[in-house]
PDB file of N, CA and C in Angstrom:
ATOM      1  N   MET A   1       5.790 -15.062  11.981  1.00  0.00           N
ATOM      2  CA  MET A   1       5.831 -15.306  10.608  1.00  0.00           C
ATOM      3  C   MET A   1       7.019 -14.656  10.004  1.00  0.00           C
ATOM      4  N   SER A   2       7.702 -15.353   9.104  1.00  0.00           N
ATOM      5  CA  SER A   2       8.938 -14.835   8.493  1.00  0.00           C
ATOM      6  C   SER A   2       8.532 -13.796   7.448  1.00  0.00           C
ATOM      7  N   LYS A   3       9.522 -13.097   6.953  1.00  0.00           N
ATOM      8  CA  LYS A   3       9.362 -12.104   5.974  1.00  0.00           C
ATOM      9  C   LYS A   3       9.090 -12.763   4.600  1.00  0.00           C
ATOM     10  N   PHE A   4       8.007 -12.367   3.995  1.00  0.00           N
ATOM     11  CA  PHE A   4       7.657 -12.925   2.687  1.00  0.00           C
ATOM     12  C   PHE A   4       8.041 -11.867   1.535  1.00  0.00           C
ATOM     13  N   THR A   5       8.372 -12.500   0.400  1.00  0.00           N
ATOM     14  CA  THR A   5       8.498 -11.629  -0.795  1.00  0.00           C
ATOM     15  C   THR A   5       7.085 -11.544  -1.389  1.00  0.00           C
ATOM     16  N   ASN A   6       6.899 -10.648  -2.330  1.00  0.00           N
ATOM     17  CA  ASN A   6       5.615 -10.496  -2.965  1.00  0.00           C
ATOM     18  C   ASN A   6       5.138 -11.784  -3.709  1.00  0.00           C
ATOM     19  N   TYR A   7       6.204 -12.573  -4.257  1.00  0.00           N
ATOM     20  CA  TYR A   7       5.896 -13.753  -4.986  1.00  0.00           C
ATOM     21  C   TYR A   7       5.573 -14.899  -4.094  1.00  0.00           C
ATOM     22  N   ASP A   8       5.984 -14.787  -2.814  1.00  0.00           N
ATOM     23  CA  ASP A   8       5.708 -15.923  -1.843  1.00  0.00           C
ATOM     24  C   ASP A   8       4.259 -15.699  -1.314  1.00  0.00           C
ATOM     25  N   VAL A   9       3.772 -14.379  -1.307  1.00  0.00           N
ATOM     26  CA  VAL A   9       2.407 -14.139  -0.750  1.00  0.00           C
ATOM     27  C   VAL A   9       1.453 -14.603  -1.924  1.00  0.00           C
ATOM     28  N   ILE A  10       1.617 -14.051  -3.087  1.00  0.00           N
ATOM     29  CA  ILE A  10       0.600 -14.376  -4.206  1.00  0.00           C
ATOM     30  C   ILE A  10       1.145 -15.612  -4.894  1.00  0.00           C
ATOM     31  N   ARG A  11       0.428 -16.699  -4.712  1.00  0.00           N
ATOM     32  CA  ARG A  11       0.857 -18.003  -5.381  1.00  0.00           C
ATOM     33  C   ARG A  11       0.507 -17.970  -6.868  1.00  0.00           C
ATOM     34  N   ASN A  12      -0.817 -17.911  -7.132  1.00  0.00           N
ATOM     35  CA  ASN A  12      -1.258 -17.981  -8.600  1.00  0.00           C
ATOM     36  C   ASN A  12      -2.715 -17.436  -8.580  1.00  0.00           C
ATOM     37  N   PRO A  13      -3.168 -16.934  -9.755  1.00  0.00           N
ATOM     38  CA  PRO A  13      -4.487 -16.483  -9.967  1.00  0.00           C
ATOM     39  C   PRO A  13      -5.427 -17.677 -10.070  1.00  0.00           C
ATOM     40  N   VAL A  14      -6.681 -17.479  -9.646  1.00  0.00           N
ATOM     41  CA  VAL A  14      -7.724 -18.539  -9.746  1.00  0.00           C
ATOM     42  C   VAL A  14      -8.513 -18.205 -10.992  1.00  0.00           C
ATOM     43  N   VAL A  15      -8.520 -19.104 -11.938  1.00  0.00           N
ATOM     44  CA  VAL A  15      -9.389 -18.882 -13.138  1.00  0.00           C
ATOM     45  C   VAL A  15     -10.404 -19.944 -13.214  1.00  0.00           C
ATOM     46  N   THR A  16     -11.640 -19.533 -12.788  1.00  0.00           N
ATOM     47  CA  THR A  16     -12.778 -20.298 -12.783  1.00  0.00           C
ATOM     48  C   THR A  16     -13.925 -19.447 -13.286  1.00  0.00           C
ATOM     49  N   GLU A  17     -15.045 -20.070 -13.584  1.00  0.00           N
ATOM     50  CA  GLU A  17     -16.241 -19.397 -14.082  1.00  0.00           C
ATOM     51  C   GLU A  17     -16.626 -18.259 -13.118  1.00  0.00           C
ATOM     52  N   LYS A  18     -16.688 -18.616 -11.750  1.00  0.00           N
ATOM     53  CA  LYS A  18     -17.044 -17.646 -10.814  1.00  0.00           C
ATOM     54  C   LYS A  18     -16.099 -16.503 -10.633  1.00  0.00           C
ATOM     55  N   SER A  19     -14.771 -16.773 -10.728  1.00  0.00           N
ATOM     56  CA  SER A  19     -13.831 -15.599 -10.644  1.00  0.00           C
ATOM     57  C   SER A  19     -13.860 -14.852 -11.883  1.00  0.00           C
ATOM     58  N   THR A  20     -14.210 -15.356 -13.001  1.00  0.00           N
ATOM     59  CA  THR A  20     -14.262 -14.623 -14.272  1.00  0.00           C
ATOM     60  C   THR A  20     -15.420 -13.651 -14.214  1.00  0.00           C
ATOM     61  N   MET A  21     -16.576 -14.122 -13.597  1.00  0.00           N
ATOM     62  CA  MET A  21     -17.691 -13.205 -13.445  1.00  0.00           C
ATOM     63  C   MET A  21     -17.405 -12.173 -12.417  1.00  0.00           C
ATOM     64  N   ALA A  22     -16.499 -12.350 -11.526  1.00  0.00           N
ATOM     65  CA  ALA A  22     -16.176 -11.419 -10.446  1.00  0.00           C
ATOM     66  C   ALA A  22     -15.265 -10.322 -11.060  1.00  0.00           C
ATOM     67  N   SER A  23     -14.608 -10.674 -12.152  1.00  0.00           N
ATOM     68  CA  SER A  23     -13.701  -9.739 -12.741  1.00  0.00           C
ATOM     69  C   SER A  23     -14.405  -8.591 -13.461  1.00  0.00           C
ATOM     70  N   GLU A  24     -15.713  -8.893 -13.746  1.00  0.00           N
ATOM     71  CA  GLU A  24     -16.522  -7.760 -14.442  1.00  0.00           C
ATOM     72  C   GLU A  24     -16.869  -6.739 -13.391  1.00  0.00           C
ATOM     73  N   HIS A  25     -16.721  -7.035 -12.035  1.00  0.00           N
ATOM     74  CA  HIS A  25     -17.048  -6.066 -11.063  1.00  0.00           C
ATOM     75  C   HIS A  25     -15.805  -5.546 -10.319  1.00  0.00           C
ATOM     76  N   GLY A  26     -14.671  -5.684 -10.985  1.00  0.00           N
ATOM     77  CA  GLY A  26     -13.404  -5.134 -10.586  1.00  0.00           C
ATOM     78  C   GLY A  26     -12.669  -5.926  -9.375  1.00  0.00           C
ATOM     79  N   GLN A  27     -12.983  -7.205  -9.449  1.00  0.00           N
ATOM     80  CA  GLN A  27     -12.415  -8.191  -8.456  1.00  0.00           C
ATOM     81  C   GLN A  27     -11.548  -9.189  -9.108  1.00  0.00           C
ATOM     82  N   VAL A  28     -10.420  -9.529  -8.388  1.00  0.00           N
ATOM     83  CA  VAL A  28      -9.528 -10.612  -8.967  1.00  0.00           C
ATOM     84  C   VAL A  28      -9.334 -11.552  -7.805  1.00  0.00           C
ATOM     85  N   VAL A  29      -9.291 -12.874  -8.098  1.00  0.00           N
ATOM     86  CA  VAL A  29      -9.115 -13.837  -7.103  1.00  0.00           C
ATOM     87  C   VAL A  29      -7.706 -14.526  -7.208  1.00  0.00           C
ATOM     88  N   PHE A  30      -7.088 -14.698  -6.104  1.00  0.00           N
ATOM     89  CA  PHE A  30      -5.630 -15.261  -6.070  1.00  0.00           C
ATOM     90  C   PHE A  30      -5.693 -16.376  -4.964  1.00  0.00           C
ATOM     91  N   ASP A  31      -4.832 -17.379  -5.337  1.00  0.00           N
ATOM     92  CA  ASP A  31      -4.406 -18.331  -4.286  1.00  0.00           C
ATOM     93  C   ASP A  31      -3.279 -17.689  -3.479  1.00  0.00           C
ATOM     94  N   VAL A  32      -3.230 -17.645  -2.205  1.00  0.00           N
ATOM     95  CA  VAL A  32      -2.277 -16.888  -1.435  1.00  0.00           C
ATOM     96  C   VAL A  32      -1.630 -17.878  -0.389  1.00  0.00           C
ATOM     97  N   ALA A  33      -0.531 -17.461   0.315  1.00  0.00           N
ATOM     98  CA  ALA A  33       0.081 -18.289   1.268  1.00  0.00           C
ATOM     99  C   ALA A  33      -0.898 -18.378   2.448  1.00  0.00           C
ATOM    100  N   ILE A  34      -0.944 -19.542   3.104  1.00  0.00           N
ATOM    101  CA  ILE A  34      -1.923 -19.854   4.200  1.00  0.00           C
ATOM    102  C   ILE A  34      -1.786 -18.925   5.383  1.00  0.00           C
ATOM    103  N   ASP A  35      -0.543 -18.359   5.586  1.00  0.00           N
ATOM    104  CA  ASP A  35      -0.466 -17.508   6.750  1.00  0.00           C
ATOM    105  C   ASP A  35      -0.168 -16.096   6.416  1.00  0.00           C
ATOM    106  N   ALA A  36      -0.526 -15.734   5.212  1.00  0.00           N
ATOM    107  CA  ALA A  36      -0.414 -14.308   4.757  1.00  0.00           C
ATOM    108  C   ALA A  36      -1.610 -13.561   5.291  1.00  0.00           C
ATOM    109  N   THR A  37      -1.433 -12.235   5.685  1.00  0.00           N
ATOM    110  CA  THR A  37      -2.458 -11.334   6.183  1.00  0.00           C
ATOM    111  C   THR A  37      -3.012 -10.534   5.071  1.00  0.00           C
ATOM    112  N   LYS A  38      -4.128  -9.894   5.328  1.00  0.00           N
ATOM    113  CA  LYS A  38      -4.815  -9.044   4.367  1.00  0.00           C
ATOM    114  C   LYS A  38      -3.875  -7.821   3.883  1.00  0.00           C
ATOM    115  N   THR A  39      -3.088  -7.299   4.892  1.00  0.00           N
ATOM    116  CA  THR A  39      -2.276  -6.201   4.549  1.00  0.00           C
ATOM    117  C   THR A  39      -1.137  -6.623   3.736  1.00  0.00           C
ATOM    118  N   GLN A  40      -0.568  -7.752   3.932  1.00  0.00           N
ATOM    119  CA  GLN A  40       0.523  -8.299   3.151  1.00  0.00           C
ATOM    120  C   GLN A  40      -0.045  -8.576   1.763  1.00  0.00           C
ATOM    121  N   ILE A  41      -1.259  -9.130   1.658  1.00  0.00           N
ATOM    122  CA  ILE A  41      -1.789  -9.440   0.312  1.00  0.00           C
ATOM    123  C   ILE A  41      -1.976  -8.135  -0.450  1.00  0.00           C
ATOM    124  N   LYS A  42      -2.501  -7.097   0.223  1.00  0.00           N
ATOM    125  CA  LYS A  42      -2.725  -5.766  -0.447  1.00  0.00           C
ATOM    126  C   LYS A  42      -1.453  -5.194  -0.889  1.00  0.00           C
ATOM    127  N   GLU A  43      -0.406  -5.177  -0.066  1.00  0.00           N
ATOM    128  CA  GLU A  43       0.866  -4.685  -0.512  1.00  0.00           C
ATOM    129  C   GLU A  43       1.464  -5.436  -1.629  1.00  0.00           C
ATOM    130  N   ALA A  44       1.386  -6.755  -1.674  1.00  0.00           N
ATOM    131  CA  ALA A  44       1.966  -7.592  -2.735  1.00  0.00           C
ATOM    132  C   ALA A  44       1.232  -7.331  -4.114  1.00  0.00           C
ATOM    133  N   VAL A  45      -0.070  -7.170  -4.081  1.00  0.00           N
ATOM    134  CA  VAL A  45      -0.799  -6.964  -5.229  1.00  0.00           C
ATOM    135  C   VAL A  45      -0.467  -5.530  -5.809  1.00  0.00           C
ATOM    136  N   GLU A  46      -0.473  -4.578  -4.968  1.00  0.00           N
ATOM    137  CA  GLU A  46      -0.100  -3.219  -5.405  1.00  0.00           C
ATOM    138  C   GLU A  46       1.333  -3.110  -5.954  1.00  0.00           C
ATOM    139  N   ALA A  47       2.313  -3.859  -5.364  1.00  0.00           N
ATOM    140  CA  ALA A  47       3.648  -3.837  -5.831  1.00  0.00           C
ATOM    141  C   ALA A  47       3.830  -4.631  -7.207  1.00  0.00           C
ATOM    142  N   LEU A  48       3.155  -5.727  -7.314  1.00  0.00           N
ATOM    143  CA  LEU A  48       3.365  -6.625  -8.492  1.00  0.00           C
ATOM    144  C   LEU A  48       2.569  -6.043  -9.633  1.00  0.00           C
ATOM    145  N   PHE A  49       1.474  -5.477  -9.483  1.00  0.00           N
ATOM    146  CA  PHE A  49       0.645  -5.141 -10.638  1.00  0.00           C
ATOM    147  C   PHE A  49       0.483  -3.684 -10.794  1.00  0.00           C
ATOM    148  N   SER A  50       0.999  -2.849  -9.984  1.00  0.00           N
ATOM    149  CA  SER A  50       0.908  -1.355 -10.040  1.00  0.00           C
ATOM    150  C   SER A  50      -0.568  -0.945 -10.158  1.00  0.00           C
ATOM    151  N   VAL A  51      -1.277  -1.321  -9.158  1.00  0.00           N
ATOM    152  CA  VAL A  51      -2.751  -0.942  -9.101  1.00  0.00           C
ATOM    153  C   VAL A  51      -3.048  -0.527  -7.660  1.00  0.00           C
ATOM    154  N   LYS A  52      -4.152   0.098  -7.513  1.00  0.00           N
ATOM    155  CA  LYS A  52      -4.654   0.486  -6.101  1.00  0.00           C
ATOM    156  C   LYS A  52      -5.795  -0.552  -5.704  1.00  0.00           C
ATOM    157  N   VAL A  53      -5.535  -1.069  -4.500  1.00  0.00           N
ATOM    158  CA  VAL A  53      -6.548  -2.048  -3.966  1.00  0.00           C
ATOM    159  C   VAL A  53      -7.485  -1.386  -2.975  1.00  0.00           C
ATOM    160  N   LYS A  54      -8.778  -1.623  -3.169  1.00  0.00           N
ATOM    161  CA  LYS A  54      -9.809  -0.988  -2.437  1.00  0.00           C
ATOM    162  C   LYS A  54     -10.102  -1.892  -1.141  1.00  0.00           C
ATOM    163  N   ALA A  55     -10.115  -3.274  -1.319  1.00  0.00           N
ATOM    164  CA  ALA A  55     -10.485  -4.165  -0.180  1.00  0.00           C
ATOM    165  C   ALA A  55      -9.955  -5.540  -0.579  1.00  0.00           C
ATOM    166  N   VAL A  56      -9.671  -6.319   0.536  1.00  0.00           N
ATOM    167  CA  VAL A  56      -9.301  -7.667   0.430  1.00  0.00           C
ATOM    168  C   VAL A  56     -10.128  -8.516   1.293  1.00  0.00           C
ATOM    169  N   ASN A  57     -10.718  -9.607   0.715  1.00  0.00           N
ATOM    170  CA  ASN A  57     -11.434 -10.518   1.483  1.00  0.00           C
ATOM    171  C   ASN A  57     -10.809 -11.906   1.363  1.00  0.00           C
ATOM    172  N   THR A  58     -10.655 -12.627   2.508  1.00  0.00           N
ATOM    173  CA  THR A  58      -9.930 -13.894   2.379  1.00  0.00           C
ATOM    174  C   THR A  58     -10.878 -15.025   2.846  1.00  0.00           C
ATOM    175  N   LEU A  59     -10.580 -16.240   2.394  1.00  0.00           N
ATOM    176  CA  LEU A  59     -11.322 -17.425   2.832  1.00  0.00           C
ATOM    177  C   LEU A  59     -10.289 -18.625   2.761  1.00  0.00           C
ATOM    178  N   VAL A  60     -10.502 -19.629   3.625  1.00  0.00           N
ATOM    179  CA  VAL A  60      -9.705 -20.814   3.702  1.00  0.00           C
ATOM    180  C   VAL A  60     -10.593 -22.011   3.327  1.00  0.00           C
ATOM    181  N   ARG A  61     -10.240 -22.616   2.164  1.00  0.00           N
ATOM    182  CA  ARG A  61     -10.918 -23.767   1.764  1.00  0.00           C
ATOM    183  C   ARG A  61     -10.244 -25.001   2.342  1.00  0.00           C
ATOM    184  N   LYS A  62     -10.991 -25.733   3.206  1.00  0.00           N
ATOM    185  CA  LYS A  62     -10.377 -26.890   3.851  1.00  0.00           C
ATOM    186  C   LYS A  62     -10.131 -28.087   2.911  1.00  0.00           C
ATOM    187  N   GLY A  63      -8.969 -28.754   3.179  1.00  0.00           N
ATOM    188  CA  GLY A  63      -8.589 -29.859   2.370  1.00  0.00           C
ATOM    189  C   GLY A  63      -9.567 -31.095   2.448  1.00  0.00           C
ATOM    190  N   LYS A  64      -9.840 -31.712   1.365  1.00  0.00           N
ATOM    191  CA  LYS A  64     -10.751 -32.883   1.364  1.00  0.00           C
ATOM    192  C   LYS A  64     -10.061 -34.092   1.895  1.00  0.00           C
ATOM    193  N   VAL A  65     -10.779 -34.986   2.500  1.00  0.00           N
ATOM    194  CA  VAL A  65     -10.351 -36.337   2.898  1.00  0.00           C
ATOM    195  C   VAL A  65     -10.482 -37.284   1.652  1.00  0.00           C
ATOM    196  N   LYS A  66      -9.292 -37.868   1.288  1.00  0.00           N
ATOM    197  CA  LYS A  66      -9.305 -38.686   0.101  1.00  0.00           C
ATOM    198  C   LYS A  66      -8.677 -40.001   0.488  1.00  0.00           C
ATOM    199  N   ARG A  67      -9.185 -41.025  -0.158  1.00  0.00           N
ATOM    200  CA  ARG A  67      -8.654 -42.422  -0.014  1.00  0.00           C
ATOM    201  C   ARG A  67      -7.684 -42.802  -1.045  1.00  0.00           C
ATOM    202  N   PHE A  68      -6.491 -43.325  -0.657  1.00  0.00           N
ATOM    203  CA  PHE A  68      -5.595 -43.853  -1.539  1.00  0.00           C
ATOM    204  C   PHE A  68      -5.302 -45.330  -1.101  1.00  0.00           C
ATOM    205  N   ARG A  69      -5.824 -46.314  -1.868  1.00  0.00           N
ATOM    206  CA  ARG A  69      -5.822 -47.756  -1.577  1.00  0.00           C
ATOM    207  C   ARG A  69      -6.608 -47.785  -0.195  1.00  0.00           C
ATOM    208  N   GLN A  70      -5.928 -48.305   0.908  1.00  0.00           N
ATOM    209  CA  GLN A  70      -6.611 -48.533   2.119  1.00  0.00           C
ATOM    210  C   GLN A  70      -6.311 -47.355   3.052  1.00  0.00           C
ATOM    211  N   GLU A  71      -5.533 -46.386   2.684  1.00  0.00           N
ATOM    212  CA  GLU A  71      -5.110 -45.319   3.556  1.00  0.00           C
ATOM    213  C   GLU A  71      -5.997 -44.042   3.361  1.00  0.00           C
ATOM    214  N   LEU A  72      -6.329 -43.372   4.386  1.00  0.00           N
ATOM    215  CA  LEU A  72      -7.005 -42.097   4.314  1.00  0.00           C
ATOM    216  C   LEU A  72      -5.998 -40.995   4.357  1.00  0.00           C
ATOM    217  N   GLY A  73      -6.126 -39.995   3.482  1.00  0.00           N
ATOM    218  CA  GLY A  73      -5.170 -38.855   3.478  1.00  0.00           C
ATOM    219  C   GLY A  73      -6.018 -37.595   3.372  1.00  0.00           C
ATOM    220  N   THR A  74      -5.448 -36.480   3.673  1.00  0.00           N
ATOM    221  CA  THR A  74      -6.114 -35.161   3.608  1.00  0.00           C
ATOM    222  C   THR A  74      -5.271 -34.220   2.664  1.00  0.00           C
ATOM    223  N   ARG A  75      -5.960 -33.639   1.804  1.00  0.00           N
ATOM    224  CA  ARG A  75      -5.304 -32.625   0.999  1.00  0.00           C
ATOM    225  C   ARG A  75      -5.006 -31.311   1.791  1.00  0.00           C
ATOM    226  N   LYS A  76      -4.124 -30.573   1.415  1.00  0.00           N
ATOM    227  CA  LYS A  76      -3.812 -29.338   2.124  1.00  0.00           C
ATOM    228  C   LYS A  76      -4.892 -28.297   2.026  1.00  0.00           C
ATOM    229  N   ASP A  77      -5.027 -27.419   3.055  1.00  0.00           N
ATOM    230  CA  ASP A  77      -5.913 -26.284   3.004  1.00  0.00           C
ATOM    231  C   ASP A  77      -5.272 -25.248   2.007  1.00  0.00           C
ATOM    232  N   VAL A  78      -6.309 -24.481   1.389  1.00  0.00           N
ATOM    233  CA  VAL A  78      -5.879 -23.398   0.442  1.00  0.00           C
ATOM    234  C   VAL A  78      -6.530 -22.180   0.898  1.00  0.00           C
ATOM    235  N   LYS A  79      -5.795 -21.095   0.921  1.00  0.00           N
ATOM    236  CA  LYS A  79      -6.292 -19.847   1.261  1.00  0.00           C
ATOM    237  C   LYS A  79      -6.457 -18.971  -0.075  1.00  0.00           C
ATOM    238  N   LYS A  80      -7.640 -18.371  -0.204  1.00  0.00           N
ATOM    239  CA  LYS A  80      -7.935 -17.624  -1.364  1.00  0.00           C
ATOM    240  C   LYS A  80      -8.125 -16.141  -0.963  1.00  0.00           C
ATOM    241  N   ALA A  81      -7.785 -15.263  -1.827  1.00  0.00           N
ATOM    242  CA  ALA A  81      -7.946 -13.746  -1.532  1.00  0.00           C
ATOM    243  C   ALA A  81      -8.757 -13.252  -2.669  1.00  0.00           C
ATOM    244  N   ILE A  82      -9.837 -12.598  -2.363  1.00  0.00           N
ATOM    245  CA  ILE A  82     -10.647 -11.819  -3.298  1.00  0.00           C
ATOM    246  C   ILE A  82     -10.347 -10.297  -3.235  1.00  0.00           C
ATOM    247  N   VAL A  83      -9.631  -9.876  -4.155  1.00  0.00           N
ATOM    248  CA  VAL A  83      -9.086  -8.523  -4.170  1.00  0.00           C
ATOM    249  C   VAL A  83      -9.991  -7.608  -4.996  1.00  0.00           C
ATOM    250  N   THR A  84     -10.510  -6.600  -4.394  1.00  0.00           N
ATOM    251  CA  THR A  84     -11.320  -5.539  -4.980  1.00  0.00           C
ATOM    252  C   THR A  84     -10.485  -4.334  -5.414  1.00  0.00           C
ATOM    253  N   LEU A  85     -10.474  -4.023  -6.702  1.00  0.00           N
ATOM    254  CA  LEU A  85      -9.721  -2.864  -7.129  1.00  0.00           C
ATOM    255  C   LEU A  85     -10.534  -1.572  -7.121  1.00  0.00           C
ATOM    256  N   VAL A  86      -9.751  -0.447  -7.087  1.00  0.00           N
ATOM    257  CA  VAL A  86     -10.384   0.845  -7.202  1.00  0.00           C
ATOM    258  C   VAL A  86     -10.978   0.924  -8.625  1.00  0.00           C
ATOM    259  N   ASP A  87     -12.067   1.676  -8.714  1.00  0.00           N
ATOM    260  CA  ASP A  87     -12.796   1.890  -9.992  1.00  0.00           C
ATOM    261  C   ASP A  87     -11.754   2.450 -11.037  1.00  0.00           C
ATOM    262  N   GLY A  88     -11.872   1.751 -12.274  1.00  0.00           N
ATOM    263  CA  GLY A  88     -10.915   2.186 -13.351  1.00  0.00           C
ATOM    264  C   GLY A  88      -9.696   1.360 -13.378  1.00  0.00           C
ATOM    265  N   GLN A  89      -9.443   0.606 -12.351  1.00  0.00           N
ATOM    266  CA  GLN A  89      -8.199  -0.269 -12.338  1.00  0.00           C
ATOM    267  C   GLN A  89      -8.532  -1.616 -12.823  1.00  0.00           C
ATOM    268  N   SER A  90      -7.567  -2.317 -13.375  1.00  0.00           N
ATOM    269  CA  SER A  90      -7.838  -3.767 -13.791  1.00  0.00           C
ATOM    270  C   SER A  90      -6.523  -4.464 -13.836  1.00  0.00           C
ATOM    271  N   ILE A  91      -6.570  -5.760 -13.756  1.00  0.00           N
ATOM    272  CA  ILE A  91      -5.400  -6.645 -13.875  1.00  0.00           C
ATOM    273  C   ILE A  91      -5.776  -7.733 -14.904  1.00  0.00           C
ATOM    274  N   ASP A  92      -4.824  -7.909 -15.892  1.00  0.00           N
ATOM    275  CA  ASP A  92      -5.030  -8.852 -16.875  1.00  0.00           C
ATOM    276  C   ASP A  92      -4.233 -10.073 -16.441  1.00  0.00           C
ATOM    277  N   ILE A  93      -4.804 -11.125 -15.945  1.00  0.00           N
ATOM    278  CA  ILE A  93      -4.170 -12.309 -15.401  1.00  0.00           C
ATOM    279  C   ILE A  93      -3.790 -13.225 -16.474  1.00  0.00           C
ATOM    280  N   SER A  94      -4.158 -13.061 -17.774  1.00  0.00           N
ATOM    281  CA  SER A  94      -3.832 -14.001 -18.722  1.00  0.00           C
ATOM    282  C   SER A  94      -2.390 -13.687 -19.208  1.00  0.00           C
ATOM    283  N   THR A  95      -1.843 -12.510 -18.941  1.00  0.00           N
ATOM    284  CA  THR A  95      -0.495 -12.253 -19.238  1.00  0.00           C
ATOM    285  C   THR A  95       0.429 -12.475 -18.027  1.00  0.00           C
ATOM    286  N   GLY A  96       1.669 -12.938 -18.197  1.00  0.00           N
ATOM    287  CA  GLY A  96       2.622 -13.187 -17.034  1.00  0.00           C
ATOM    288  C   GLY A  96       3.038 -11.854 -16.436  1.00  0.00           C
ATOM    289  N   ILE A  97       3.699 -11.955 -15.373  1.00  0.00           N
ATOM    290  CA  ILE A  97       4.263 -10.792 -14.667  1.00  0.00           C
ATOM    291  C   ILE A  97       5.629 -10.500 -15.229  1.00  0.00           C
TER     292      ILE A  97
END
């Protein structure tokens, strides 16, 4: 895998009802690069937001099969990272970096 910058690892925050409820428990959800590791995600979040990360959990959401006219196509897979912050730390994702 090539060398990523922090902005290549962290694509964008996920703003859903479920991720908003997780933010009450000190967790933030991000879309990340599909081949990024947990240590790379941890280092990127700590560097970009100046916080301490307690844990990183990742999951890969498989792309759906969709039909366009007579052709079948597949959407891309998306990797999500659920980042748990140390107690007392927070990230305000509504403001830009």
